[in-house]
Amino acid sequence: MRTTYPWKVSIGDYSMVGDDVVLYSLGEIEIGKHVVISQKSYLCTGSHDYLQSDFPIFAKKITIEDECWLAT
């Protein structure tokens, strides 16, 4: 697992993050309890506002609820 800002990531009890997962945590990433994030998944909280001429970056929180299985 690779993460950009680890202090913006929380992982609940009994959850697993697979091999080669990227957590691009410009914003918060909250992973619930009993969750599986399958290998090679990519969670990205940042983007750019393409409607503005200066193309500013922004971040939004990602929440993965309890007992989810996120696969690629």
PDB file of N, CA and C in Angstrom:
ATOM      1  N   MET A   1       0.851  -1.174   0.000  1.00  0.00           N
ATOM      2  CA  MET A   1       0.000   0.000   0.000  1.00  0.00           C
ATOM      3  C   MET A   1       0.895   1.233   0.000  1.00  0.00           C
ATOM      4  N   ARG A   2       0.509   2.198  -0.826  1.00  0.00           N
ATOM      5  CA  ARG A   2       1.175   3.504  -0.830  1.00  0.00           C
ATOM      6  C   ARG A   2       0.136   4.559  -0.494  1.00  0.00           C
ATOM      7  N   THR A   3       0.534   5.513   0.313  1.00  0.00           N
ATOM      8  CA  THR A   3      -0.376   6.600   0.657  1.00  0.00           C
ATOM      9  C   THR A   3       0.377   7.919   0.611  1.00  0.00           C
ATOM     10  N   THR A   4      -0.317   8.969   0.206  1.00  0.00           N
ATOM     11  CA  THR A   4       0.304  10.279   0.071  1.00  0.00           C
ATOM     12  C   THR A   4       0.470  10.950   1.430  1.00  0.00           C
ATOM     13  N   TYR A   5      -0.614  11.062   2.180  1.00  0.00           N
ATOM     14  CA  TYR A   5      -0.594  11.675   3.506  1.00  0.00           C
ATOM     15  C   TYR A   5      -1.240  10.696   4.486  1.00  0.00           C
ATOM     16  N   PRO A   6      -0.434   9.859   5.140  1.00  0.00           N
ATOM     17  CA  PRO A   6      -0.989   8.811   5.998  1.00  0.00           C
ATOM     18  C   PRO A   6      -1.876   9.331   7.130  1.00  0.00           C
ATOM     19  N   TRP A   7      -1.632  10.539   7.602  1.00  0.00           N
ATOM     20  CA  TRP A   7      -2.433  11.085   8.699  1.00  0.00           C
ATOM     21  C   TRP A   7      -3.857  11.431   8.255  1.00  0.00           C
ATOM     22  N   LYS A   8      -4.131  11.372   6.957  1.00  0.00           N
ATOM     23  CA  LYS A   8      -5.484  11.616   6.454  1.00  0.00           C
ATOM     24  C   LYS A   8      -6.235  10.320   6.159  1.00  0.00           C
ATOM     25  N   VAL A   9      -5.646   9.186   6.533  1.00  0.00           N
ATOM     26  CA  VAL A   9      -6.256   7.872   6.268  1.00  0.00           C
ATOM     27  C   VAL A   9      -6.588   7.196   7.587  1.00  0.00           C
ATOM     28  N   SER A  10      -7.834   6.690   7.707  1.00  0.00           N
ATOM     29  CA  SER A  10      -8.201   5.880   8.865  1.00  0.00           C
ATOM     30  C   SER A  10      -8.743   4.547   8.363  1.00  0.00           C
ATOM     31  N   ILE A  11      -8.328   3.481   9.024  1.00  0.00           N
ATOM     32  CA  ILE A  11      -8.720   2.120   8.633  1.00  0.00           C
ATOM     33  C   ILE A  11      -9.320   1.434   9.856  1.00  0.00           C
ATOM     34  N   GLY A  12     -10.563   0.950   9.703  1.00  0.00           N
ATOM     35  CA  GLY A  12     -11.271   0.311  10.810  1.00  0.00           C
ATOM     36  C   GLY A  12     -10.744  -1.073  11.150  1.00  0.00           C
ATOM     37  N   ASP A  13     -11.226  -1.600  12.261  1.00  0.00           N
ATOM     38  CA  ASP A  13     -10.823  -2.925  12.740  1.00  0.00           C
ATOM     39  C   ASP A  13     -11.188  -4.005  11.731  1.00  0.00           C
ATOM     40  N   TYR A  14     -10.322  -4.995  11.630  1.00  0.00           N
ATOM     41  CA  TYR A  14     -10.524  -6.181  10.798  1.00  0.00           C
ATOM     42  C   TYR A  14     -10.656  -5.850   9.311  1.00  0.00           C
ATOM     43  N   SER A  15     -10.075  -4.744   8.892  1.00  0.00           N
ATOM     44  CA  SER A  15     -10.079  -4.383   7.470  1.00  0.00           C
ATOM     45  C   SER A  15      -8.726  -4.703   6.865  1.00  0.00           C
ATOM     46  N   MET A  16      -8.736  -4.938   5.532  1.00  0.00           N
ATOM     47  CA  MET A  16      -7.521  -5.320   4.831  1.00  0.00           C
ATOM     48  C   MET A  16      -7.359  -4.476   3.578  1.00  0.00           C
ATOM     49  N   VAL A  17      -6.148  -4.000   3.375  1.00  0.00           N
ATOM     50  CA  VAL A  17      -5.805  -3.273   2.152  1.00  0.00           C
ATOM     51  C   VAL A  17      -4.806  -4.136   1.403  1.00  0.00           C
ATOM     52  N   GLY A  18      -5.148  -4.514   0.171  1.00  0.00           N
ATOM     53  CA  GLY A  18      -4.353  -5.463  -0.603  1.00  0.00           C
ATOM     54  C   GLY A  18      -3.051  -4.882  -1.142  1.00  0.00           C
ATOM     55  N   ASP A  19      -2.291  -5.763  -1.788  1.00  0.00           N
ATOM     56  CA  ASP A  19      -1.015  -5.391  -2.400  1.00  0.00           C
ATOM     57  C   ASP A  19      -1.221  -4.367  -3.512  1.00  0.00           C
ATOM     58  N   ASP A  20      -0.269  -3.471  -3.643  1.00  0.00           N
ATOM     59  CA  ASP A  20      -0.230  -2.481  -4.720  1.00  0.00           C
ATOM     60  C   ASP A  20      -1.429  -1.532  -4.730  1.00  0.00           C
ATOM     61  N   VAL A  21      -2.060  -1.319  -3.587  1.00  0.00           N
ATOM     62  CA  VAL A  21      -3.143  -0.337  -3.476  1.00  0.00           C
ATOM     63  C   VAL A  21      -2.518   1.042  -3.286  1.00  0.00           C
ATOM     64  N   VAL A  22      -3.093   2.045  -3.967  1.00  0.00           N
ATOM     65  CA  VAL A  22      -2.655   3.432  -3.813  1.00  0.00           C
ATOM     66  C   VAL A  22      -3.793   4.221  -3.178  1.00  0.00           C
ATOM     67  N   LEU A  23      -3.477   4.900  -2.074  1.00  0.00           N
ATOM     68  CA  LEU A  23      -4.428   5.792  -1.411  1.00  0.00           C
ATOM     69  C   LEU A  23      -3.898   7.219  -1.595  1.00  0.00           C
ATOM     70  N   TYR A  24      -4.385   7.872  -2.630  1.00  0.00           N
ATOM     71  CA  TYR A  24      -3.950   9.239  -2.945  1.00  0.00           C
ATOM     72  C   TYR A  24      -4.774  10.194  -2.088  1.00  0.00           C
ATOM     73  N   SER A  25      -4.263  10.462  -0.908  1.00  0.00           N
ATOM     74  CA  SER A  25      -5.048  11.082   0.159  1.00  0.00           C
ATOM     75  C   SER A  25      -4.806  12.590   0.296  1.00  0.00           C
ATOM     76  N   LEU A  26      -5.090  13.339  -0.765  1.00  0.00           N
ATOM     77  CA  LEU A  26      -5.081  14.791  -0.613  1.00  0.00           C
ATOM     78  C   LEU A  26      -6.200  15.200   0.336  1.00  0.00           C
ATOM     79  N   GLY A  27      -7.335  14.525   0.237  1.00  0.00           N
ATOM     80  CA  GLY A  27      -8.430  14.649   1.198  1.00  0.00           C
ATOM     81  C   GLY A  27      -8.441  13.414   2.081  1.00  0.00           C
ATOM     82  N   GLU A  28      -9.356  13.356   3.014  1.00  0.00           N
ATOM     83  CA  GLU A  28      -9.436  12.214   3.930  1.00  0.00           C
ATOM     84  C   GLU A  28      -9.943  10.962   3.220  1.00  0.00           C
ATOM     85  N   ILE A  29      -9.434   9.816   3.669  1.00  0.00           N
ATOM     86  CA  ILE A  29      -9.963   8.519   3.256  1.00  0.00           C
ATOM     87  C   ILE A  29     -10.310   7.764   4.527  1.00  0.00           C
ATOM     88  N   GLU A  30     -11.578   7.413   4.658  1.00  0.00           N
ATOM     89  CA  GLU A  30     -12.062   6.689   5.830  1.00  0.00           C
ATOM     90  C   GLU A  30     -12.527   5.304   5.380  1.00  0.00           C
ATOM     91  N   ILE A  31     -11.861   4.282   5.886  1.00  0.00           N
ATOM     92  CA  ILE A  31     -12.189   2.893   5.564  1.00  0.00           C
ATOM     93  C   ILE A  31     -12.812   2.278   6.812  1.00  0.00           C
ATOM     94  N   GLY A  32     -14.017   1.750   6.672  1.00  0.00           N
ATOM     95  CA  GLY A  32     -14.754   1.214   7.813  1.00  0.00           C
ATOM     96  C   GLY A  32     -14.208  -0.104   8.334  1.00  0.00           C
ATOM     97  N   LYS A  33     -15.019  -0.791   9.136  1.00  0.00           N
ATOM     98  CA  LYS A  33     -14.665  -2.073   9.744  1.00  0.00           C
ATOM     99  C   LYS A  33     -15.039  -3.218   8.803  1.00  0.00           C
ATOM    100  N   HIS A  34     -14.244  -4.285   8.853  1.00  0.00           N
ATOM    101  CA  HIS A  34     -14.511  -5.498   8.059  1.00  0.00           C
ATOM    102  C   HIS A  34     -14.583  -5.174   6.566  1.00  0.00           C
ATOM    103  N   VAL A  35     -13.651  -4.380   6.088  1.00  0.00           N
ATOM    104  CA  VAL A  35     -13.595  -3.945   4.687  1.00  0.00           C
ATOM    105  C   VAL A  35     -12.408  -4.611   4.002  1.00  0.00           C
ATOM    106  N   VAL A  36     -12.575  -4.928   2.726  1.00  0.00           N
ATOM    107  CA  VAL A  36     -11.466  -5.403   1.900  1.00  0.00           C
ATOM    108  C   VAL A  36     -11.303  -4.438   0.737  1.00  0.00           C
ATOM    109  N   ILE A  37     -10.109  -3.884   0.590  1.00  0.00           N
ATOM    110  CA  ILE A  37      -9.743  -3.099  -0.586  1.00  0.00           C
ATOM    111  C   ILE A  37      -8.805  -3.994  -1.388  1.00  0.00           C
ATOM    112  N   SER A  38      -9.285  -4.494  -2.514  1.00  0.00           N
ATOM    113  CA  SER A  38      -8.536  -5.484  -3.290  1.00  0.00           C
ATOM    114  C   SER A  38      -7.284  -4.897  -3.932  1.00  0.00           C
ATOM    115  N   GLN A  39      -6.373  -5.794  -4.255  1.00  0.00           N
ATOM    116  CA  GLN A  39      -5.087  -5.425  -4.831  1.00  0.00           C
ATOM    117  C   GLN A  39      -5.254  -4.545  -6.073  1.00  0.00           C
ATOM    118  N   LYS A  40      -4.285  -3.649  -6.217  1.00  0.00           N
ATOM    119  CA  LYS A  40      -4.197  -2.725  -7.356  1.00  0.00           C
ATOM    120  C   LYS A  40      -5.332  -1.704  -7.434  1.00  0.00           C
ATOM    121  N   SER A  41      -6.079  -1.530  -6.357  1.00  0.00           N
ATOM    122  CA  SER A  41      -7.101  -0.476  -6.332  1.00  0.00           C
ATOM    123  C   SER A  41      -6.420   0.881  -6.199  1.00  0.00           C
ATOM    124  N   TYR A  42      -7.096   1.923  -6.689  1.00  0.00           N
ATOM    125  CA  TYR A  42      -6.565   3.284  -6.644  1.00  0.00           C
ATOM    126  C   TYR A  42      -7.674   4.201  -6.147  1.00  0.00           C
ATOM    127  N   LEU A  43      -7.508   4.737  -4.950  1.00  0.00           N
ATOM    128  CA  LEU A  43      -8.483   5.671  -4.387  1.00  0.00           C
ATOM    129  C   LEU A  43      -7.875   7.061  -4.445  1.00  0.00           C
ATOM    130  N   CYS A  44      -8.525   7.952  -5.166  1.00  0.00           N
ATOM    131  CA  CYS A  44      -7.989   9.297  -5.408  1.00  0.00           C
ATOM    132  C   CYS A  44      -8.964  10.344  -4.884  1.00  0.00           C
ATOM    133  N   THR A  45      -8.525  11.151  -3.940  1.00  0.00           N
ATOM    134  CA  THR A  45      -9.383  12.181  -3.365  1.00  0.00           C
ATOM    135  C   THR A  45      -9.206  13.531  -4.028  1.00  0.00           C
ATOM    136  N   GLY A  46      -8.247  13.672  -4.929  1.00  0.00           N
ATOM    137  CA  GLY A  46      -7.966  14.973  -5.524  1.00  0.00           C
ATOM    138  C   GLY A  46      -8.301  15.032  -7.005  1.00  0.00           C
ATOM    139  N   SER A  47      -8.565  16.245  -7.461  1.00  0.00           N
ATOM    140  CA  SER A  47      -8.801  16.492  -8.877  1.00  0.00           C
ATOM    141  C   SER A  47      -8.529  17.970  -9.147  1.00  0.00           C
ATOM    142  N   HIS A  48      -8.830  18.392 -10.367  1.00  0.00           N
ATOM    143  CA  HIS A  48      -8.672  19.786 -10.761  1.00  0.00           C
ATOM    144  C   HIS A  48     -10.006  20.314 -11.271  1.00  0.00           C
ATOM    145  N   ASP A  49     -10.258  21.571 -11.028  1.00  0.00           N
ATOM    146  CA  ASP A  49     -11.463  22.215 -11.547  1.00  0.00           C
ATOM    147  C   ASP A  49     -11.172  22.703 -12.965  1.00  0.00           C
ATOM    148  N   TYR A  50     -11.557  21.913 -13.935  1.00  0.00           N
ATOM    149  CA  TYR A  50     -11.256  22.214 -15.338  1.00  0.00           C
ATOM    150  C   TYR A  50     -12.096  23.370 -15.890  1.00  0.00           C
ATOM    151  N   LEU A  51     -13.091  23.826 -15.120  1.00  0.00           N
ATOM    152  CA  LEU A  51     -13.918  24.941 -15.568  1.00  0.00           C
ATOM    153  C   LEU A  51     -13.269  26.306 -15.284  1.00  0.00           C
ATOM    154  N   GLN A  52     -12.211  26.304 -14.487  1.00  0.00           N
ATOM    155  CA  GLN A  52     -11.520  27.554 -14.163  1.00  0.00           C
ATOM    156  C   GLN A  52     -10.210  27.625 -14.940  1.00  0.00           C
ATOM    157  N   SER A  53      -9.840  28.822 -15.355  1.00  0.00           N
ATOM    158  CA  SER A  53      -8.655  28.987 -16.196  1.00  0.00           C
ATOM    159  C   SER A  53      -7.347  28.635 -15.495  1.00  0.00           C
ATOM    160  N   ASP A  54      -7.294  28.764 -14.164  1.00  0.00           N
ATOM    161  CA  ASP A  54      -6.061  28.414 -13.445  1.00  0.00           C
ATOM    162  C   ASP A  54      -6.015  26.952 -13.016  1.00  0.00           C
ATOM    163  N   PHE A  55      -7.076  26.166 -13.327  1.00  0.00           N
ATOM    164  CA  PHE A  55      -7.099  24.711 -13.124  1.00  0.00           C
ATOM    165  C   PHE A  55      -6.737  24.317 -11.684  1.00  0.00           C
ATOM    166  N   PRO A  56      -7.369  24.959 -10.669  1.00  0.00           N
ATOM    167  CA  PRO A  56      -6.971  24.702  -9.276  1.00  0.00           C
ATOM    168  C   PRO A  56      -7.276  23.266  -8.829  1.00  0.00           C
ATOM    169  N   ILE A  57      -6.465  22.795  -7.918  1.00  0.00           N
ATOM    170  CA  ILE A  57      -6.662  21.456  -7.366  1.00  0.00           C
ATOM    171  C   ILE A  57      -7.630  21.542  -6.187  1.00  0.00           C
ATOM    172  N   PHE A  58      -8.410  20.480  -6.001  1.00  0.00           N
ATOM    173  CA  PHE A  58      -9.293  20.395  -4.836  1.00  0.00           C
ATOM    174  C   PHE A  58      -9.327  18.944  -4.359  1.00  0.00           C
ATOM    175  N   ALA A  59      -9.828  18.740  -3.160  1.00  0.00           N
ATOM    176  CA  ALA A  59      -9.898  17.394  -2.578  1.00  0.00           C
ATOM    177  C   ALA A  59     -11.274  17.159  -1.975  1.00  0.00           C
ATOM    178  N   LYS A  60     -11.737  15.933  -2.053  1.00  0.00           N
ATOM    179  CA  LYS A  60     -13.005  15.503  -1.447  1.00  0.00           C
ATOM    180  C   LYS A  60     -12.751  14.224  -0.655  1.00  0.00           C
ATOM    181  N   LYS A  61     -13.465  14.054   0.417  1.00  0.00           N
ATOM    182  CA  LYS A  61     -13.327  12.879   1.273  1.00  0.00           C
ATOM    183  C   LYS A  61     -13.924  11.643   0.595  1.00  0.00           C
ATOM    184  N   ILE A  62     -13.274  10.499   0.788  1.00  0.00           N
ATOM    185  CA  ILE A  62     -13.799   9.202   0.369  1.00  0.00           C
ATOM    186  C   ILE A  62     -14.123   8.415   1.633  1.00  0.00           C
ATOM    187  N   THR A  63     -15.343   7.872   1.699  1.00  0.00           N
ATOM    188  CA  THR A  63     -15.752   7.023   2.811  1.00  0.00           C
ATOM    189  C   THR A  63     -16.157   5.667   2.267  1.00  0.00           C
ATOM    190  N   ILE A  64     -15.512   4.614   2.756  1.00  0.00           N
ATOM    191  CA  ILE A  64     -15.878   3.241   2.431  1.00  0.00           C
ATOM    192  C   ILE A  64     -16.595   2.696   3.663  1.00  0.00           C
ATOM    193  N   GLU A  65     -17.863   2.371   3.525  1.00  0.00           N
ATOM    194  CA  GLU A  65     -18.685   1.934   4.658  1.00  0.00           C
ATOM    195  C   GLU A  65     -18.246   0.557   5.175  1.00  0.00           C
ATOM    196  N   ASP A  66     -18.689   0.214   6.385  1.00  0.00           N
ATOM    197  CA  ASP A  66     -18.400  -1.087   6.980  1.00  0.00           C
ATOM    198  C   ASP A  66     -18.862  -2.220   6.056  1.00  0.00           C
ATOM    199  N   GLU A  67     -18.127  -3.311   6.095  1.00  0.00           N
ATOM    200  CA  GLU A  67     -18.459  -4.566   5.407  1.00  0.00           C
ATOM    201  C   GLU A  67     -18.537  -4.425   3.881  1.00  0.00           C
ATOM    202  N   CYS A  68     -17.722  -3.551   3.320  1.00  0.00           N
ATOM    203  CA  CYS A  68     -17.648  -3.420   1.866  1.00  0.00           C
ATOM    204  C   CYS A  68     -16.454  -4.186   1.317  1.00  0.00           C
ATOM    205  N   TRP A  69     -16.577  -4.586   0.076  1.00  0.00           N
ATOM    206  CA  TRP A  69     -15.489  -5.200  -0.667  1.00  0.00           C
ATOM    207  C   TRP A  69     -15.304  -4.371  -1.917  1.00  0.00           C
ATOM    208  N   LEU A  70     -14.199  -3.648  -2.003  1.00  0.00           N
ATOM    209  CA  LEU A  70     -13.906  -2.791  -3.145  1.00  0.00           C
ATOM    210  C   LEU A  70     -12.889  -3.517  -4.011  1.00  0.00           C
ATOM    211  N   ALA A  71     -13.260  -3.793  -5.240  1.00  0.00           N
ATOM    212  CA  ALA A  71     -12.384  -4.539  -6.139  1.00  0.00           C
ATOM    213  C   ALA A  71     -12.144  -3.744  -7.414  1.00  0.00           C
ATOM    214  N   THR A  72     -11.035  -4.037  -8.068  1.00  0.00           N
ATOM    215  CA  THR A  72     -10.735  -3.369  -9.348  1.00  0.00           C
ATOM    216  C   THR A  72     -11.278  -4.186 -10.490  1.00  0.00           C
TER     217      THR A  72
END
